[in-house]
């Protein structure tokens, strides 16, 4: 695999692999599995997939399946390092929402979607039933439907906290669908080893360390979108031993800076992305706001330089969440917050 693996963890990864070195059995077709309450059946491995959502696209690439990806959409930032050439060969249907027609035009025998708000009961692209009418199965990332209520639209509400097990399930499901189970097992082993190593690096985190994750803001003069308890940032904070100062089960509630300042987070984690849907998508705009806003600029985390930049993809329940764990663990260590 290209550079998704961190060289410093290669030894730990090899040890973990050797502990469970049995090869996975090949997929037996027809394969039937569940995806977000729907039953999918595959008579053979798909040959043309369209992937709507950067994380699920990157999982396919990590499984060595880029040649079977006919089109992609919904990108937040650059592709994983090491996959630039492979990604450049794949047709990009849209940076954000593709049309139903553009997806169907690629003649896919599988559509994967990262979010139900793209392909779901109220999907902006289509519903799974629209694709099913054409004989095209839709696989939805478990992280966006298991333990989550998307019925009200938007980012949804978590009914159970996200864990990386949901991403590992997606890796394993896609590996089964495409009959590359050995690669799926290898990838999951690597990711789990990285989680363990990052947690171990800050085992002595100072008591009471807290954080707020700022994804973006629709406008700079209104309340920002910050991470609630149940999503990927909540998982990152819980794993590393931090307290999330935002007490909400919504995925990305809006909370005023006065409320955030009163909670006095030890660390502010700011999302970095290429998307420019809102002014505050730009990390430079975020950092300037924190330095100049009459309320935000007075927070000790800002005055003392405890603002951590993080890839926004790591703030969503994605394959990049592991990167977010590592970035925050390293930042906490450098800030002297781990004993």
C-alpha atoms as a PDB file:
ATOM      1  CA  UNK A   1       0.000   0.000   0.000  1.00  0.00           C
ATOM      2  CA  UNK A   2       1.215   3.562  -0.646  1.00  0.00           C
ATOM      3  CA  UNK A   3       1.933   6.160   2.001  1.00  0.00           C
ATOM      4  CA  UNK A   4      -1.264   5.835   4.053  1.00  0.00           C
ATOM      5  CA  UNK A   5       0.859   3.702   6.385  1.00  0.00           C
ATOM      6  CA  UNK A   6       3.108   5.564   8.816  1.00  0.00           C
ATOM      7  CA  UNK A   7       6.657   4.134   8.613  1.00  0.00           C
ATOM      8  CA  UNK A   8       7.214   4.532  12.370  1.00  0.00           C
ATOM      9  CA  UNK A   9       4.397   2.077  13.008  1.00  0.00           C
ATOM     10  CA  UNK A  10       5.486  -0.523  10.480  1.00  0.00           C
ATOM     11  CA  UNK A  11       7.014  -2.777  13.136  1.00  0.00           C
ATOM     12  CA  UNK A  12       3.865  -2.696  15.241  1.00  0.00           C
ATOM     13  CA  UNK A  13       1.820  -3.357  12.131  1.00  0.00           C
ATOM     14  CA  UNK A  14       3.941  -6.381  11.145  1.00  0.00           C
ATOM     15  CA  UNK A  15       3.691  -7.808  14.673  1.00  0.00           C
ATOM     16  CA  UNK A  16      -0.081  -7.377  14.640  1.00  0.00           C
ATOM     17  CA  UNK A  17      -0.320  -9.047  11.240  1.00  0.00           C
ATOM     18  CA  UNK A  18       1.809 -12.013  12.252  1.00  0.00           C
ATOM     19  CA  UNK A  19      -0.426 -12.575  15.289  1.00  0.00           C
ATOM     20  CA  UNK A  20      -3.362 -13.303  12.998  1.00  0.00           C
ATOM     21  CA  UNK A  21      -1.761 -14.404   9.759  1.00  0.00           C
ATOM     22  CA  UNK A  22      -4.536 -16.694   8.512  1.00  0.00           C
ATOM     23  CA  UNK A  23      -5.735 -15.855   5.032  1.00  0.00           C
ATOM     24  CA  UNK A  24      -9.366 -14.848   4.661  1.00  0.00           C
ATOM     25  CA  UNK A  25     -11.573 -17.220   2.726  1.00  0.00           C
ATOM     26  CA  UNK A  26     -12.565 -16.074  -0.773  1.00  0.00           C
ATOM     27  CA  UNK A  27     -16.033 -14.663  -1.259  1.00  0.00           C
ATOM     28  CA  UNK A  28     -18.669 -17.196  -2.147  1.00  0.00           C
ATOM     29  CA  UNK A  29     -21.152 -15.820  -4.678  1.00  0.00           C
ATOM     30  CA  UNK A  30     -23.987 -15.140  -4.685  1.00  0.00           C
ATOM     31  CA  UNK A  31     -23.130 -12.906  -1.727  1.00  0.00           C
ATOM     32  CA  UNK A  32     -25.934 -11.393   0.353  1.00  0.00           C
ATOM     33  CA  UNK A  33     -25.369  -8.715   2.970  1.00  0.00           C
ATOM     34  CA  UNK A  34     -27.260  -5.947   4.733  1.00  0.00           C
ATOM     35  CA  UNK A  35     -26.650  -2.251   4.141  1.00  0.00           C
ATOM     36  CA  UNK A  36     -28.601   0.257   6.209  1.00  0.00           C
ATOM     37  CA  UNK A  37     -31.709  -1.904   6.386  1.00  0.00           C
ATOM     38  CA  UNK A  38     -31.582  -3.063   2.765  1.00  0.00           C
ATOM     39  CA  UNK A  39     -30.585  -6.530   1.539  1.00  0.00           C
ATOM     40  CA  UNK A  40     -28.018  -6.520  -1.267  1.00  0.00           C
ATOM     41  CA  UNK A  41     -27.156  -9.543  -3.391  1.00  0.00           C
ATOM     42  CA  UNK A  42     -24.110  -9.840  -5.666  1.00  0.00           C
ATOM     43  CA  UNK A  43     -23.792 -12.638  -8.212  1.00  0.00           C
ATOM     44  CA  UNK A  44     -20.150 -11.672  -8.803  1.00  0.00           C
ATOM     45  CA  UNK A  45     -17.664  -8.966  -7.891  1.00  0.00           C
ATOM     46  CA  UNK A  46     -18.676  -5.562  -9.327  1.00  0.00           C
ATOM     47  CA  UNK A  47     -16.656  -4.356 -12.285  1.00  0.00           C
ATOM     48  CA  UNK A  48     -17.808  -0.716 -12.402  1.00  0.00           C
ATOM     49  CA  UNK A  49     -18.484   1.176  -9.189  1.00  0.00           C
ATOM     50  CA  UNK A  50     -19.450   4.805  -8.707  1.00  0.00           C
ATOM     51  CA  UNK A  51     -18.449   6.153  -5.316  1.00  0.00           C
ATOM     52  CA  UNK A  52     -20.200   9.190  -3.836  1.00  0.00           C
ATOM     53  CA  UNK A  53     -18.134  10.377  -0.881  1.00  0.00           C
ATOM     54  CA  UNK A  54     -14.408  10.774  -0.451  1.00  0.00           C
ATOM     55  CA  UNK A  55     -14.000   8.287   2.391  1.00  0.00           C
ATOM     56  CA  UNK A  56     -15.659   5.370   0.650  1.00  0.00           C
ATOM     57  CA  UNK A  57     -13.690   6.210  -2.508  1.00  0.00           C
ATOM     58  CA  UNK A  58     -10.446   6.123  -0.550  1.00  0.00           C
ATOM     59  CA  UNK A  59     -11.369   2.798   1.034  1.00  0.00           C
ATOM     60  CA  UNK A  60     -11.791   1.343  -2.454  1.00  0.00           C
ATOM     61  CA  UNK A  61      -8.386   2.726  -3.433  1.00  0.00           C
ATOM     62  CA  UNK A  62      -6.769   1.322  -0.283  1.00  0.00           C
ATOM     63  CA  UNK A  63      -8.226  -2.079  -1.161  1.00  0.00           C
ATOM     64  CA  UNK A  64      -6.486  -1.894  -4.544  1.00  0.00           C
ATOM     65  CA  UNK A  65      -9.732  -1.383  -6.478  1.00  0.00           C
ATOM     66  CA  UNK A  66      -9.144   1.938  -8.250  1.00  0.00           C
ATOM     67  CA  UNK A  67      -9.381   0.279 -11.669  1.00  0.00           C
ATOM     68  CA  UNK A  68     -12.937  -0.785 -10.822  1.00  0.00           C
ATOM     69  CA  UNK A  69     -14.034   2.743  -9.872  1.00  0.00           C
ATOM     70  CA  UNK A  70     -15.800   4.310 -12.860  1.00  0.00           C
ATOM     71  CA  UNK A  71     -16.598   7.653 -11.232  1.00  0.00           C
ATOM     72  CA  UNK A  72     -16.427   9.613  -7.982  1.00  0.00           C
ATOM     73  CA  UNK A  73     -18.085  12.634  -6.388  1.00  0.00           C
ATOM     74  CA  UNK A  74     -18.299  14.612  -3.131  1.00  0.00           C
ATOM     75  CA  UNK A  75     -14.725  15.629  -2.313  1.00  0.00           C
ATOM     76  CA  UNK A  76     -13.626  17.686   0.689  1.00  0.00           C
ATOM     77  CA  UNK A  77      -9.873  17.750   0.065  1.00  0.00           C
ATOM     78  CA  UNK A  78      -7.025  16.084  -1.825  1.00  0.00           C
ATOM     79  CA  UNK A  79      -6.971  12.316  -2.188  1.00  0.00           C
ATOM     80  CA  UNK A  80      -4.826  10.254   0.180  1.00  0.00           C
ATOM     81  CA  UNK A  81      -1.095  10.716  -0.491  1.00  0.00           C
ATOM     82  CA  UNK A  82       0.150   8.029  -2.838  1.00  0.00           C
ATOM     83  CA  UNK A  83      -3.123   7.741  -4.751  1.00  0.00           C
ATOM     84  CA  UNK A  84      -2.905  10.896  -6.844  1.00  0.00           C
ATOM     85  CA  UNK A  85      -2.180   9.079 -10.110  1.00  0.00           C
ATOM     86  CA  UNK A  86      -4.841   6.445  -9.552  1.00  0.00           C
ATOM     87  CA  UNK A  87      -7.401   9.112  -8.682  1.00  0.00           C
ATOM     88  CA  UNK A  88      -6.488  11.215 -11.724  1.00  0.00           C
ATOM     89  CA  UNK A  89      -7.440   8.273 -13.957  1.00  0.00           C
ATOM     90  CA  UNK A  90     -10.921   8.044 -12.426  1.00  0.00           C
ATOM     91  CA  UNK A  91     -13.666  10.287 -13.789  1.00  0.00           C
ATOM     92  CA  UNK A  92     -14.833  12.907 -11.301  1.00  0.00           C
ATOM     93  CA  UNK A  93     -18.558  13.370 -11.793  1.00  0.00           C
ATOM     94  CA  UNK A  94     -18.771  16.352  -9.408  1.00  0.00           C
ATOM     95  CA  UNK A  95     -16.824  17.937  -6.594  1.00  0.00           C
ATOM     96  CA  UNK A  96     -20.049  18.005  -4.582  1.00  0.00           C
ATOM     97  CA  UNK A  97     -23.436  16.508  -5.559  1.00  0.00           C
ATOM     98  CA  UNK A  98     -23.537  14.500  -8.798  1.00  0.00           C
ATOM     99  CA  UNK A  99     -26.764  14.238 -10.735  1.00  0.00           C
ATOM    100  CA  UNK A 100     -28.636  10.936 -10.840  1.00  0.00           C
ATOM    101  CA  UNK A 101     -28.201  10.930 -14.611  1.00  0.00           C
ATOM    102  CA  UNK A 102     -24.419  11.378 -14.430  1.00  0.00           C
ATOM    103  CA  UNK A 103     -24.112   8.405 -12.075  1.00  0.00           C
ATOM    104  CA  UNK A 104     -26.302   6.137 -14.197  1.00  0.00           C
ATOM    105  CA  UNK A 105     -24.435   7.190 -17.357  1.00  0.00           C
ATOM    106  CA  UNK A 106     -21.330   5.408 -16.041  1.00  0.00           C
ATOM    107  CA  UNK A 107     -23.255   2.085 -16.146  1.00  0.00           C
ATOM    108  CA  UNK A 108     -22.276   1.073 -12.605  1.00  0.00           C
ATOM    109  CA  UNK A 109     -23.046  -2.320 -11.127  1.00  0.00           C
ATOM    110  CA  UNK A 110     -22.538  -0.815  -7.663  1.00  0.00           C
ATOM    111  CA  UNK A 111     -23.019   2.640  -6.156  1.00  0.00           C
ATOM    112  CA  UNK A 112     -21.359   3.357  -2.823  1.00  0.00           C
ATOM    113  CA  UNK A 113     -22.416   6.378  -0.798  1.00  0.00           C
ATOM    114  CA  UNK A 114     -20.839   7.899   2.281  1.00  0.00           C
ATOM    115  CA  UNK A 115     -23.958   9.789   3.386  1.00  0.00           C
ATOM    116  CA  UNK A 116     -27.679   9.086   3.238  1.00  0.00           C
ATOM    117  CA  UNK A 117     -28.276  12.744   2.468  1.00  0.00           C
ATOM    118  CA  UNK A 118     -26.674  11.981  -0.912  1.00  0.00           C
ATOM    119  CA  UNK A 119     -28.357   8.637  -1.625  1.00  0.00           C
ATOM    120  CA  UNK A 120     -31.045   7.802   0.914  1.00  0.00           C
ATOM    121  CA  UNK A 121     -34.741   8.217   1.660  1.00  0.00           C
ATOM    122  CA  UNK A 122     -34.444  11.975   1.040  1.00  0.00           C
ATOM    123  CA  UNK A 123     -31.256  11.827  -1.030  1.00  0.00           C
ATOM    124  CA  UNK A 124     -30.276  14.883  -3.040  1.00  0.00           C
ATOM    125  CA  UNK A 125     -28.855  12.593  -5.742  1.00  0.00           C
ATOM    126  CA  UNK A 126     -31.486   9.835  -5.636  1.00  0.00           C
ATOM    127  CA  UNK A 127     -33.052   7.215  -3.428  1.00  0.00           C
ATOM    128  CA  UNK A 128     -31.709   3.650  -3.269  1.00  0.00           C
ATOM    129  CA  UNK A 129     -35.002   2.549  -4.825  1.00  0.00           C
ATOM    130  CA  UNK A 130     -34.358   4.652  -7.928  1.00  0.00           C
ATOM    131  CA  UNK A 131     -31.080   2.833  -8.449  1.00  0.00           C
ATOM    132  CA  UNK A 132     -32.650  -0.535  -7.565  1.00  0.00           C
ATOM    133  CA  UNK A 133     -35.231  -0.009 -10.322  1.00  0.00           C
ATOM    134  CA  UNK A 134     -32.285  -0.061 -12.730  1.00  0.00           C
ATOM    135  CA  UNK A 135     -30.720  -3.109 -11.092  1.00  0.00           C
ATOM    136  CA  UNK A 136     -27.980  -1.103  -9.359  1.00  0.00           C
ATOM    137  CA  UNK A 137     -27.338  -1.930  -5.672  1.00  0.00           C
ATOM    138  CA  UNK A 138     -26.420   0.898  -3.293  1.00  0.00           C
ATOM    139  CA  UNK A 139     -23.998   0.281  -0.432  1.00  0.00           C
ATOM    140  CA  UNK A 140     -24.160   2.958   2.299  1.00  0.00           C
ATOM    141  CA  UNK A 141     -21.372   3.546   4.809  1.00  0.00           C
ATOM    142  CA  UNK A 142     -22.482   1.969   8.117  1.00  0.00           C
ATOM    143  CA  UNK A 143     -21.138   5.018   9.963  1.00  0.00           C
ATOM    144  CA  UNK A 144     -23.922   7.131   8.493  1.00  0.00           C
ATOM    145  CA  UNK A 145     -26.886   4.929   9.333  1.00  0.00           C
ATOM    146  CA  UNK A 146     -26.114   2.582  12.225  1.00  0.00           C
ATOM    147  CA  UNK A 147     -26.878   4.339  15.492  1.00  0.00           C
ATOM    148  CA  UNK A 148     -27.952   7.451  13.630  1.00  0.00           C
ATOM    149  CA  UNK A 149     -31.282   9.070  12.738  1.00  0.00           C
ATOM    150  CA  UNK A 150     -31.203  10.930   9.416  1.00  0.00           C
ATOM    151  CA  UNK A 151     -34.988  11.269   9.065  1.00  0.00           C
ATOM    152  CA  UNK A 152     -34.980  15.004   9.759  1.00  0.00           C
ATOM    153  CA  UNK A 153     -32.396  15.649   7.061  1.00  0.00           C
ATOM    154  CA  UNK A 154     -29.176  17.602   7.502  1.00  0.00           C
ATOM    155  CA  UNK A 155     -26.321  15.983   9.392  1.00  0.00           C
ATOM    156  CA  UNK A 156     -28.628  13.779  11.463  1.00  0.00           C
ATOM    157  CA  UNK A 157     -28.601  12.857  15.139  1.00  0.00           C
ATOM    158  CA  UNK A 158     -26.601  10.072  16.723  1.00  0.00           C
ATOM    159  CA  UNK A 159     -28.662   7.582  18.727  1.00  0.00           C
ATOM    160  CA  UNK A 160     -25.481   5.642  19.558  1.00  0.00           C
ATOM    161  CA  UNK A 161     -21.931   6.941  19.607  1.00  0.00           C
ATOM    162  CA  UNK A 162     -19.756   6.433  16.553  1.00  0.00           C
ATOM    163  CA  UNK A 163     -16.796   4.089  16.868  1.00  0.00           C
ATOM    164  CA  UNK A 164     -14.169   3.098  14.326  1.00  0.00           C
ATOM    165  CA  UNK A 165     -15.761  -0.361  14.262  1.00  0.00           C
ATOM    166  CA  UNK A 166     -18.267   1.085  11.789  1.00  0.00           C
ATOM    167  CA  UNK A 167     -15.451   2.088   9.421  1.00  0.00           C
ATOM    168  CA  UNK A 168     -13.827  -1.310   9.880  1.00  0.00           C
ATOM    169  CA  UNK A 169     -17.172  -2.891   8.985  1.00  0.00           C
ATOM    170  CA  UNK A 170     -17.265  -0.847   5.775  1.00  0.00           C
ATOM    171  CA  UNK A 171     -13.748  -1.984   4.868  1.00  0.00           C
ATOM    172  CA  UNK A 172     -14.667  -5.613   5.521  1.00  0.00           C
ATOM    173  CA  UNK A 173     -17.992  -5.371   3.645  1.00  0.00           C
ATOM    174  CA  UNK A 174     -16.409  -3.834   0.556  1.00  0.00           C
ATOM    175  CA  UNK A 175     -13.580  -6.370   0.692  1.00  0.00           C
ATOM    176  CA  UNK A 176     -16.185  -9.179   0.686  1.00  0.00           C
ATOM    177  CA  UNK A 177     -18.177  -7.611  -2.143  1.00  0.00           C
ATOM    178  CA  UNK A 178     -15.070  -7.356  -4.331  1.00  0.00           C
ATOM    179  CA  UNK A 179     -13.452 -10.607  -3.099  1.00  0.00           C
ATOM    180  CA  UNK A 180     -10.313  -8.956  -1.694  1.00  0.00           C
ATOM    181  CA  UNK A 181     -10.722 -10.086   1.915  1.00  0.00           C
ATOM    182  CA  UNK A 182      -7.009 -10.466   2.607  1.00  0.00           C
ATOM    183  CA  UNK A 183      -6.477  -6.795   1.736  1.00  0.00           C
ATOM    184  CA  UNK A 184      -9.420  -5.813   3.904  1.00  0.00           C
ATOM    185  CA  UNK A 185      -8.043  -7.736   6.894  1.00  0.00           C
ATOM    186  CA  UNK A 186      -4.601  -6.202   6.364  1.00  0.00           C
ATOM    187  CA  UNK A 187      -6.017  -2.664   6.259  1.00  0.00           C
ATOM    188  CA  UNK A 188      -8.120  -3.130   9.404  1.00  0.00           C
ATOM    189  CA  UNK A 189      -5.126  -4.572  11.261  1.00  0.00           C
ATOM    190  CA  UNK A 190      -3.023  -1.576  10.295  1.00  0.00           C
ATOM    191  CA  UNK A 191      -5.645   0.958  11.347  1.00  0.00           C
ATOM    192  CA  UNK A 192      -6.183  -0.703  14.719  1.00  0.00           C
ATOM    193  CA  UNK A 193      -2.429  -0.716  15.345  1.00  0.00           C
ATOM    194  CA  UNK A 194      -2.270   3.001  14.613  1.00  0.00           C
ATOM    195  CA  UNK A 195      -5.128   3.700  17.033  1.00  0.00           C
ATOM    196  CA  UNK A 196      -3.371   1.763  19.787  1.00  0.00           C
ATOM    197  CA  UNK A 197      -0.058   3.491  19.195  1.00  0.00           C
ATOM    198  CA  UNK A 198      -1.563   7.007  19.195  1.00  0.00           C
ATOM    199  CA  UNK A 199      -3.407   6.364  22.458  1.00  0.00           C
ATOM    200  CA  UNK A 200      -0.248   5.003  24.074  1.00  0.00           C
ATOM    201  CA  UNK A 201       1.724   8.138  23.163  1.00  0.00           C
ATOM    202  CA  UNK A 202      -0.398  10.310  25.494  1.00  0.00           C
ATOM    203  CA  UNK A 203      -1.339   7.809  28.176  1.00  0.00           C
ATOM    204  CA  UNK A 204      -0.503  10.453  30.794  1.00  0.00           C
ATOM    205  CA  UNK A 205      -2.844  13.192  29.541  1.00  0.00           C
ATOM    206  CA  UNK A 206      -3.391  15.856  32.188  1.00  0.00           C
ATOM    207  CA  UNK A 207      -6.717  15.568  33.991  1.00  0.00           C
ATOM    208  CA  UNK A 208      -9.416  17.967  32.818  1.00  0.00           C
ATOM    209  CA  UNK A 209      -8.011  18.492  29.319  1.00  0.00           C
ATOM    210  CA  UNK A 210     -10.885  19.448  27.016  1.00  0.00           C
ATOM    211  CA  UNK A 211     -11.476  20.411  23.415  1.00  0.00           C
ATOM    212  CA  UNK A 212     -13.910  21.834  20.895  1.00  0.00           C
ATOM    213  CA  UNK A 213     -13.901  20.822  17.207  1.00  0.00           C
ATOM    214  CA  UNK A 214     -14.839  23.641  14.803  1.00  0.00           C
ATOM    215  CA  UNK A 215     -15.773  22.311  11.373  1.00  0.00           C
ATOM    216  CA  UNK A 216     -16.987  25.513   9.712  1.00  0.00           C
ATOM    217  CA  UNK A 217     -19.519  28.364   9.923  1.00  0.00           C
ATOM    218  CA  UNK A 218     -22.219  29.308   7.440  1.00  0.00           C
ATOM    219  CA  UNK A 219     -21.295  32.946   8.157  1.00  0.00           C
ATOM    220  CA  UNK A 220     -18.606  34.281  10.461  1.00  0.00           C
ATOM    221  CA  UNK A 221     -21.042  36.449  12.399  1.00  0.00           C
ATOM    222  CA  UNK A 222     -23.315  33.523  13.348  1.00  0.00           C
ATOM    223  CA  UNK A 223     -22.831  30.450  15.528  1.00  0.00           C
ATOM    224  CA  UNK A 224     -20.246  27.944  14.236  1.00  0.00           C
ATOM    225  CA  UNK A 225     -20.761  24.272  13.434  1.00  0.00           C
ATOM    226  CA  UNK A 226     -18.983  22.386  16.207  1.00  0.00           C
ATOM    227  CA  UNK A 227     -18.814  18.693  17.021  1.00  0.00           C
ATOM    228  CA  UNK A 228     -21.373  17.054  19.262  1.00  0.00           C
ATOM    229  CA  UNK A 229     -20.756  14.062  21.488  1.00  0.00           C
ATOM    230  CA  UNK A 230     -21.640  11.201  19.172  1.00  0.00           C
ATOM    231  CA  UNK A 231     -19.651  11.667  15.962  1.00  0.00           C
ATOM    232  CA  UNK A 232     -16.052  11.097  14.932  1.00  0.00           C
ATOM    233  CA  UNK A 233     -14.613  13.985  17.007  1.00  0.00           C
ATOM    234  CA  UNK A 234     -16.406  12.606  20.068  1.00  0.00           C
ATOM    235  CA  UNK A 235     -14.740   9.258  19.406  1.00  0.00           C
ATOM    236  CA  UNK A 236     -11.325  10.892  18.986  1.00  0.00           C
ATOM    237  CA  UNK A 237     -11.682  12.813  22.244  1.00  0.00           C
ATOM    238  CA  UNK A 238     -12.963   9.806  24.171  1.00  0.00           C
ATOM    239  CA  UNK A 239     -10.159   7.569  22.900  1.00  0.00           C
ATOM    240  CA  UNK A 240      -7.491  10.097  23.879  1.00  0.00           C
ATOM    241  CA  UNK A 241      -9.078  11.002  27.219  1.00  0.00           C
ATOM    242  CA  UNK A 242     -10.312  14.542  26.470  1.00  0.00           C
ATOM    243  CA  UNK A 243     -13.640  16.076  27.454  1.00  0.00           C
ATOM    244  CA  UNK A 244     -15.850  17.455  24.689  1.00  0.00           C
ATOM    245  CA  UNK A 245     -17.174  20.817  25.940  1.00  0.00           C
ATOM    246  CA  UNK A 246     -20.179  20.563  23.576  1.00  0.00           C
ATOM    247  CA  UNK A 247     -23.002  18.608  25.221  1.00  0.00           C
ATOM    248  CA  UNK A 248     -25.159  17.662  22.227  1.00  0.00           C
ATOM    249  CA  UNK A 249     -26.018  14.444  20.419  1.00  0.00           C
ATOM    250  CA  UNK A 250     -26.374  16.267  17.107  1.00  0.00           C
ATOM    251  CA  UNK A 251     -23.569  15.528  14.671  1.00  0.00           C
ATOM    252  CA  UNK A 252     -22.699  19.204  14.087  1.00  0.00           C
ATOM    253  CA  UNK A 253     -24.804  21.548  16.249  1.00  0.00           C
ATOM    254  CA  UNK A 254     -24.403  25.312  16.041  1.00  0.00           C
ATOM    255  CA  UNK A 255     -23.163  26.809  19.318  1.00  0.00           C
ATOM    256  CA  UNK A 256     -22.337  30.444  20.082  1.00  0.00           C
ATOM    257  CA  UNK A 257     -18.781  31.559  20.772  1.00  0.00           C
ATOM    258  CA  UNK A 258     -19.881  33.016  24.118  1.00  0.00           C
ATOM    259  CA  UNK A 259     -20.994  29.540  25.214  1.00  0.00           C
ATOM    260  CA  UNK A 260     -17.767  27.986  23.938  1.00  0.00           C
ATOM    261  CA  UNK A 261     -15.690  30.629  25.704  1.00  0.00           C
ATOM    262  CA  UNK A 262     -17.471  29.994  29.005  1.00  0.00           C
ATOM    263  CA  UNK A 263     -16.688  26.278  28.643  1.00  0.00           C
ATOM    264  CA  UNK A 264     -13.013  27.271  28.192  1.00  0.00           C
ATOM    265  CA  UNK A 265     -11.715  24.356  26.083  1.00  0.00           C
ATOM    266  CA  UNK A 266      -8.047  23.537  26.580  1.00  0.00           C
ATOM    267  CA  UNK A 267      -7.637  22.995  22.835  1.00  0.00           C
ATOM    268  CA  UNK A 268      -9.481  24.236  19.755  1.00  0.00           C
ATOM    269  CA  UNK A 269      -9.374  21.896  16.753  1.00  0.00           C
ATOM    270  CA  UNK A 270     -10.082  23.712  13.482  1.00  0.00           C
ATOM    271  CA  UNK A 271     -11.048  21.932  10.253  1.00  0.00           C
ATOM    272  CA  UNK A 272      -8.852  22.358   7.180  1.00  0.00           C
ATOM    273  CA  UNK A 273     -10.449  21.596   3.797  1.00  0.00           C
ATOM    274  CA  UNK A 274     -10.412  22.517   0.122  1.00  0.00           C
ATOM    275  CA  UNK A 275     -14.193  22.880   0.056  1.00  0.00           C
ATOM    276  CA  UNK A 276     -15.387  26.489  -0.176  1.00  0.00           C
ATOM    277  CA  UNK A 277     -19.118  26.228   0.489  1.00  0.00           C
ATOM    278  CA  UNK A 278     -18.810  28.683   3.400  1.00  0.00           C
ATOM    279  CA  UNK A 279     -16.248  31.443   4.093  1.00  0.00           C
ATOM    280  CA  UNK A 280     -14.998  29.642   7.206  1.00  0.00           C
ATOM    281  CA  UNK A 281     -14.203  26.505   5.189  1.00  0.00           C
ATOM    282  CA  UNK A 282     -10.875  28.272   4.625  1.00  0.00           C
ATOM    283  CA  UNK A 283      -8.510  27.507   7.516  1.00  0.00           C
ATOM    284  CA  UNK A 284      -6.872  30.930   7.103  1.00  0.00           C
ATOM    285  CA  UNK A 285     -10.269  32.565   7.694  1.00  0.00           C
ATOM    286  CA  UNK A 286     -10.785  30.459  10.811  1.00  0.00           C
ATOM    287  CA  UNK A 287      -7.406  31.374  12.257  1.00  0.00           C
ATOM    288  CA  UNK A 288      -7.902  35.088  11.537  1.00  0.00           C
ATOM    289  CA  UNK A 289     -11.325  34.986  13.194  1.00  0.00           C
ATOM    290  CA  UNK A 290      -9.916  33.384  16.334  1.00  0.00           C
ATOM    291  CA  UNK A 291      -7.243  36.071  16.573  1.00  0.00           C
ATOM    292  CA  UNK A 292      -9.552  39.040  15.993  1.00  0.00           C
ATOM    293  CA  UNK A 293     -13.045  38.175  17.256  1.00  0.00           C
ATOM    294  CA  UNK A 294     -13.741  40.047  20.528  1.00  0.00           C
ATOM    295  CA  UNK A 295     -14.914  36.877  22.267  1.00  0.00           C
ATOM    296  CA  UNK A 296     -12.913  34.081  20.665  1.00  0.00           C
ATOM    297  CA  UNK A 297      -9.617  35.956  20.863  1.00  0.00           C
ATOM    298  CA  UNK A 298      -9.826  36.087  24.668  1.00  0.00           C
ATOM    299  CA  UNK A 299      -9.956  32.319  25.110  1.00  0.00           C
ATOM    300  CA  UNK A 300      -6.779  30.924  26.725  1.00  0.00           C
ATOM    301  CA  UNK A 301      -6.574  28.260  23.989  1.00  0.00           C
ATOM    302  CA  UNK A 302      -6.240  31.039  21.408  1.00  0.00           C
ATOM    303  CA  UNK A 303      -3.961  33.336  23.434  1.00  0.00           C
ATOM    304  CA  UNK A 304      -1.628  30.455  24.307  1.00  0.00           C
ATOM    305  CA  UNK A 305      -1.511  28.942  20.824  1.00  0.00           C
ATOM    306  CA  UNK A 306      -3.416  25.720  21.475  1.00  0.00           C
ATOM    307  CA  UNK A 307      -5.224  25.721  18.127  1.00  0.00           C
ATOM    308  CA  UNK A 308      -4.779  22.488  16.169  1.00  0.00           C
ATOM    309  CA  UNK A 309      -5.389  22.281  12.427  1.00  0.00           C
ATOM    310  CA  UNK A 310      -6.974  18.999  11.328  1.00  0.00           C
ATOM    311  CA  UNK A 311      -8.070  17.640   7.967  1.00  0.00           C
ATOM    312  CA  UNK A 312     -11.849  18.049   7.938  1.00  0.00           C
ATOM    313  CA  UNK A 313     -12.200  14.519   6.566  1.00  0.00           C
ATOM    314  CA  UNK A 314     -10.807  13.243   9.867  1.00  0.00           C
ATOM    315  CA  UNK A 315     -13.660  15.061  11.639  1.00  0.00           C
ATOM    316  CA  UNK A 316     -16.216  13.008   9.726  1.00  0.00           C
ATOM    317  CA  UNK A 317     -16.640   9.284  10.454  1.00  0.00           C
ATOM    318  CA  UNK A 318     -14.201   8.196   7.749  1.00  0.00           C
ATOM    319  CA  UNK A 319     -11.035   6.286   7.027  1.00  0.00           C
ATOM    320  CA  UNK A 320      -9.212   9.573   7.844  1.00  0.00           C
ATOM    321  CA  UNK A 321     -10.435   9.593  11.468  1.00  0.00           C
ATOM    322  CA  UNK A 322      -7.289   7.610  12.300  1.00  0.00           C
ATOM    323  CA  UNK A 323      -5.230  10.524  10.968  1.00  0.00           C
ATOM    324  CA  UNK A 324      -7.186  12.847  13.257  1.00  0.00           C
ATOM    325  CA  UNK A 325      -6.396  10.689  16.286  1.00  0.00           C
ATOM    326  CA  UNK A 326      -2.695  10.834  15.450  1.00  0.00           C
ATOM    327  CA  UNK A 327      -2.683  14.581  14.720  1.00  0.00           C
ATOM    328  CA  UNK A 328      -4.383  15.447  18.005  1.00  0.00           C
ATOM    329  CA  UNK A 329      -2.250  13.029  20.043  1.00  0.00           C
ATOM    330  CA  UNK A 330       0.912  14.597  18.619  1.00  0.00           C
ATOM    331  CA  UNK A 331      -0.385  18.139  19.244  1.00  0.00           C
ATOM    332  CA  UNK A 332      -1.278  17.364  22.854  1.00  0.00           C
ATOM    333  CA  UNK A 333       2.184  15.977  23.435  1.00  0.00           C
ATOM    334  CA  UNK A 334       3.872  19.018  21.891  1.00  0.00           C
ATOM    335  CA  UNK A 335       1.702  21.338  23.992  1.00  0.00           C
ATOM    336  CA  UNK A 336       2.963  19.668  27.159  1.00  0.00           C
ATOM    337  CA  UNK A 337      -0.483  18.334  28.062  1.00  0.00           C
ATOM    338  CA  UNK A 338       0.637  14.719  28.330  1.00  0.00           C
ATOM    339  CA  UNK A 339       2.748  13.816  31.363  1.00  0.00           C
END
